[in-house]
Protein backbone atom coordinates (compact mmCIF):
# COMPACT_ATOMS: atom_id res chain seq x y z
CA MET A 1 16.45 -21.49 -3.57
CA ASN A 2 12.88 -20.46 -3.08
CA LYS A 3 11.57 -17.88 -4.39
CA ARG A 4 9.28 -16.97 -1.10
CA ASN A 5 5.51 -17.10 -2.06
CA PHE A 6 5.13 -13.17 0.78
CA GLN A 7 0.79 -14.26 0.54
CA LYS A 8 1.38 -17.35 2.00
CA GLU A 9 3.84 -16.09 4.70
CA LEU A 10 0.58 -13.43 5.28
CA ASP A 11 -1.61 -16.44 5.82
CA ALA A 12 -0.06 -17.39 8.58
CA LEU A 13 0.52 -14.29 9.86
CA ILE A 14 -3.42 -13.54 9.57
CA GLY A 15 -3.69 -17.36 11.60
CA ARG A 16 -1.89 -16.08 14.10
CA LEU A 17 -3.41 -13.15 15.61
CA PRO A 18 -5.16 -13.86 18.64
CA LYS A 19 -8.67 -14.41 19.08
CA ASP A 20 -8.99 -11.97 22.39
CA GLU A 21 -7.54 -8.61 21.55
CA ALA A 22 -8.14 -6.51 19.33
CA ALA A 23 -7.46 -6.58 16.03
CA PRO A 24 -3.96 -4.83 15.04
CA THR A 25 -3.64 -1.40 14.00
CA LEU A 26 -1.57 -1.33 10.36
CA LEU A 27 -0.23 2.17 8.62
CA LEU A 28 -1.34 0.92 4.72
CA HIS A 29 0.37 2.94 1.93
CA SER A 30 -1.34 3.34 -0.60
CA CYS A 31 -0.51 4.14 -3.91
CA CYS A 32 -3.83 4.67 -5.08
CA ALA A 33 -7.00 4.43 -4.76
CA PRO A 34 -7.71 1.50 -7.48
CA CYS A 35 -4.56 -1.09 -6.31
CA SER A 36 -5.75 -0.44 -1.80
CA SER A 37 -9.42 -1.21 -2.83
CA TYR A 38 -8.76 -4.48 -2.88
CA THR A 39 -6.28 -4.72 -0.45
CA LEU A 40 -8.58 -2.72 2.01
CA GLU A 41 -11.39 -5.61 1.40
CA TYR A 42 -9.76 -7.95 3.10
CA LEU A 43 -7.62 -6.91 5.31
CA SER A 44 -10.01 -4.37 6.85
CA LYS A 45 -11.61 -8.15 8.26
CA TYR A 46 -7.52 -8.95 10.34
CA PHE A 47 -6.44 -5.02 10.84
CA ARG A 48 -7.71 -1.58 11.66
CA ILE A 49 -5.93 0.96 8.52
CA THR A 50 -4.63 3.86 8.78
CA VAL A 51 -4.62 4.49 4.58
CA LEU A 52 -1.16 6.66 4.41
CA TYR A 53 -0.68 8.68 0.92
CA PHE A 54 2.61 9.69 0.91
CA ASN A 55 3.39 10.07 -3.54
CA PRO A 56 6.15 12.45 -4.56
CA ASN A 57 6.32 10.69 -7.59
CA ILE A 58 3.31 12.06 -8.79
CA MET A 59 5.32 15.43 -10.31
CA ARG A 60 1.67 17.31 -11.25
CA LYS A 61 -0.64 18.69 -8.82
CA ALA A 62 -3.61 18.32 -10.39
CA GLU A 63 -2.74 15.46 -11.08
CA TYR A 64 -1.81 13.83 -7.54
CA GLU A 65 -4.83 16.35 -5.53
CA LYS A 66 -7.19 14.37 -7.83
CA ARG A 67 -5.48 11.24 -7.06
CA VAL A 68 -6.12 12.07 -3.00
CA ALA A 69 -9.49 12.95 -4.24
CA GLU A 70 -10.61 9.18 -4.61
CA GLN A 71 -8.11 8.04 -2.29
CA GLN A 72 -10.35 9.27 0.21
CA ARG A 73 -13.83 9.10 -1.90
CA LEU A 74 -12.93 5.29 -1.62
CA ILE A 75 -12.20 4.69 2.02
CA GLU A 76 -15.19 7.28 2.51
CA ALA A 77 -17.41 4.27 0.26
CA LEU A 78 -15.94 1.23 1.47
CA ASN A 79 -17.84 -0.76 3.35
CA THR A 80 -15.08 -2.41 5.63
CA LYS A 81 -16.03 -4.97 7.92
CA HIS A 82 -13.61 -6.83 11.05
CA LEU A 83 -14.82 -10.60 12.60
CA THR A 84 -15.06 -10.16 16.46
CA LEU A 85 -13.63 -12.17 18.21
CA ASN A 86 -16.27 -15.47 18.35
CA THR A 87 -15.97 -15.06 14.05
CA GLU A 88 -19.95 -15.55 13.82
CA HIS A 89 -20.54 -11.96 13.60
CA GLU A 90 -18.95 -8.67 11.86
CA THR A 91 -19.03 -4.98 12.74
CA LEU A 92 -18.04 -1.80 10.72
CA ASN A 93 -13.97 -1.50 10.77
CA GLN A 94 -13.35 2.17 10.20
CA ILE A 95 -10.66 2.91 7.66
CA THR A 96 -8.69 6.64 8.75
CA PHE A 97 -6.89 8.63 6.01
CA ILE A 98 -3.75 10.20 5.99
CA SER A 99 -2.81 13.03 3.37
CA GLY A 100 1.41 12.60 3.43
CA ARG A 101 3.62 15.80 2.13
CA TYR A 102 3.26 16.55 -0.97
CA GLU A 103 6.97 16.68 -1.93
CA PRO A 104 7.47 16.05 -5.74
CA ARG A 105 11.51 17.92 -5.40
CA GLU A 106 12.34 14.84 -2.69
CA PHE A 107 11.91 12.58 -5.83
CA VAL A 108 13.07 14.05 -8.56
CA GLU A 109 15.93 14.87 -5.95
CA ALA A 110 16.63 10.50 -5.44
CA VAL A 111 15.49 9.70 -8.86
CA LYS A 112 19.03 12.09 -10.11
CA GLY A 113 21.07 10.32 -13.09
CA MET A 114 18.46 7.96 -13.48
CA GLU A 115 15.85 9.36 -16.16
CA GLU A 116 16.08 7.49 -18.29
CA GLU A 117 16.49 4.02 -17.05
CA PRO A 118 13.55 1.74 -18.21
CA GLU A 119 10.08 1.50 -16.10
CA GLY A 120 10.67 -1.19 -13.84
CA GLY A 121 14.60 -0.34 -12.75
CA ARG A 122 16.35 1.18 -11.21
CA ARG A 123 14.70 4.14 -10.52
CA CYS A 124 11.67 2.04 -9.61
CA TRP A 125 13.80 -0.03 -6.63
CA VAL A 126 14.95 4.54 -5.26
CA CYS A 127 10.53 5.08 -5.65
CA TYR A 128 9.85 1.79 -3.90
CA LYS A 129 12.41 2.83 -1.00
CA LEU A 130 12.05 6.56 -0.77
CA ARG A 131 7.54 6.09 -0.35
CA LEU A 132 8.31 2.39 2.25
CA GLU A 133 10.98 4.59 4.83
CA GLU A 134 8.12 7.52 4.38
CA ALA A 135 5.35 4.53 5.39
CA ALA A 136 7.82 3.17 8.40
CA LYS A 137 8.86 6.51 9.93
CA ILE A 138 4.55 7.25 10.73
CA ALA A 139 4.33 3.72 11.83
CA LYS A 140 6.76 3.64 14.30
CA GLU A 141 5.44 7.80 15.15
CA GLY A 142 2.09 6.22 15.40
CA ASN A 143 3.45 3.77 17.69
CA TYR A 144 1.43 0.80 14.94
CA ASP A 145 2.03 -2.53 14.61
CA TYR A 146 2.59 -3.19 11.46
CA PHE A 147 2.97 -0.60 8.01
CA CYS A 148 2.47 -2.24 4.58
CA THR A 149 1.84 -1.24 0.91
CA THR A 150 -0.87 -2.22 -1.50
CA LEU A 151 2.46 -1.96 -4.37
CA SER A 152 2.38 -5.32 -5.41
CA ILE A 153 -0.97 -5.58 -6.18
CA SER A 154 0.29 -4.32 -9.35
CA PRO A 155 1.66 -6.86 -11.98
CA LEU A 156 4.03 -4.64 -13.21
CA LYS A 157 5.65 -3.97 -9.03
CA HIS A 158 8.12 -6.22 -7.89
CA ALA A 159 6.63 -8.04 -5.02
CA ASP A 160 10.39 -8.80 -3.60
CA TRP A 161 12.17 -5.59 -4.00
CA LEU A 162 9.34 -4.73 -2.21
CA ASN A 163 9.15 -7.24 0.91
CA GLU A 164 13.33 -6.42 0.72
CA ILE A 165 12.68 -2.79 1.31
CA GLY A 166 10.22 -3.27 3.79
CA GLU A 167 12.34 -5.84 5.94
CA THR A 168 14.61 -3.77 5.82
CA LEU A 169 13.05 -1.05 7.40
CA ALA A 170 11.52 -2.87 9.97
CA GLU A 171 14.71 -4.20 10.94
CA GLU A 172 15.46 0.04 10.92
CA TYR A 173 12.49 1.60 13.06
CA GLY A 174 11.15 -1.21 15.19
CA VAL A 175 8.18 -1.56 13.29
CA ARG A 176 7.07 -5.41 11.88
CA TRP A 177 6.99 -5.41 8.43
CA LEU A 178 3.90 -7.07 6.48
CA PRO A 179 3.85 -9.92 3.80
CA SER A 180 2.41 -9.43 1.19
CA ASP A 181 1.93 -10.06 -2.72
CA PHE A 182 -1.86 -8.41 -3.39
CA LYS A 183 -2.01 -9.89 -6.79
CA LYS A 184 -2.14 -12.85 -5.48
CA LYS A 185 -5.18 -15.05 -4.58
CA GLY A 186 -6.96 -13.30 -7.70
CA GLY A 187 -6.04 -10.15 -5.61
CA TYR A 188 -5.77 -8.02 -9.33
CA LYS A 189 -8.48 -8.57 -10.73
CA ARG A 190 -11.15 -7.84 -7.78
CA SER A 191 -9.05 -4.41 -7.52
CA ILE A 192 -10.28 -3.85 -11.19
CA GLU A 193 -13.48 -5.32 -10.25
CA LEU A 194 -13.66 -3.08 -7.49
CA SER A 195 -12.18 0.15 -9.78
CA LYS A 196 -15.78 -0.55 -11.67
CA GLU A 197 -17.96 -0.63 -9.20
CA TYR A 198 -17.11 2.86 -7.39
CA ASP A 199 -16.22 4.01 -10.75
CA LEU A 200 -12.63 4.94 -9.38
CA TYR A 201 -10.77 6.53 -11.46
CA ARG A 202 -7.65 4.56 -12.92
CA GLN A 203 -4.33 6.38 -14.23
CA ASN A 204 -2.57 5.03 -17.05
CA PHE A 205 0.90 5.46 -15.33
CA CYS A 206 2.73 5.69 -12.35
CA GLY A 207 2.84 8.74 -11.08
CA CYS A 208 5.98 9.91 -12.93
CA GLU A 209 7.36 11.53 -15.47
CA TYR A 210 10.35 9.77 -16.60
CA SER A 211 7.26 6.63 -16.58
CA ARG A 212 4.81 8.46 -19.16
CA ARG A 213 7.45 9.25 -21.72
CA MET A 214 8.53 5.09 -22.00
């Protein structure tokens, strides 16, 4: 069985977007400002984006608040563009922001019994689903055209898992999932460049205390 290329699927989807209509709306779950940097630069050409920051896996409140502030600062600083209908001109594309609930207890309860799992194991799968399900719910409530996550830009995150979970939730909630593997096409490298350009805080652990121990 051939491994799916989610970046090619995204390229094909973008190629099918109507050129004579307003850009579709996208609820983009973000794990952090550095991971969202390239993703926003890239997708803002084709979508009207709302960033959702919902990451209950970040178990220290001070760390959580620092990451939220960095996300907001990046959104305000980015000069994102959207192609006009004839694709010959560009206009500013304002990105909006939703600060999600901070409920670390939800994460702790969800991964109970998996505290000693290695990083990248079952605990991470549950964490992905917890965050993506919140995104799917909000996308449904807000009548967004698509939902997605920045998580796949990390070389340490499983794009297969993220897309599998996203597609399952899309069927459950009736909101289209945007296939992605943002580390492709130099996405991860570009995120590092943008992080330096905007002097973004780059954390050295995903957020949960369990990963910090590993």
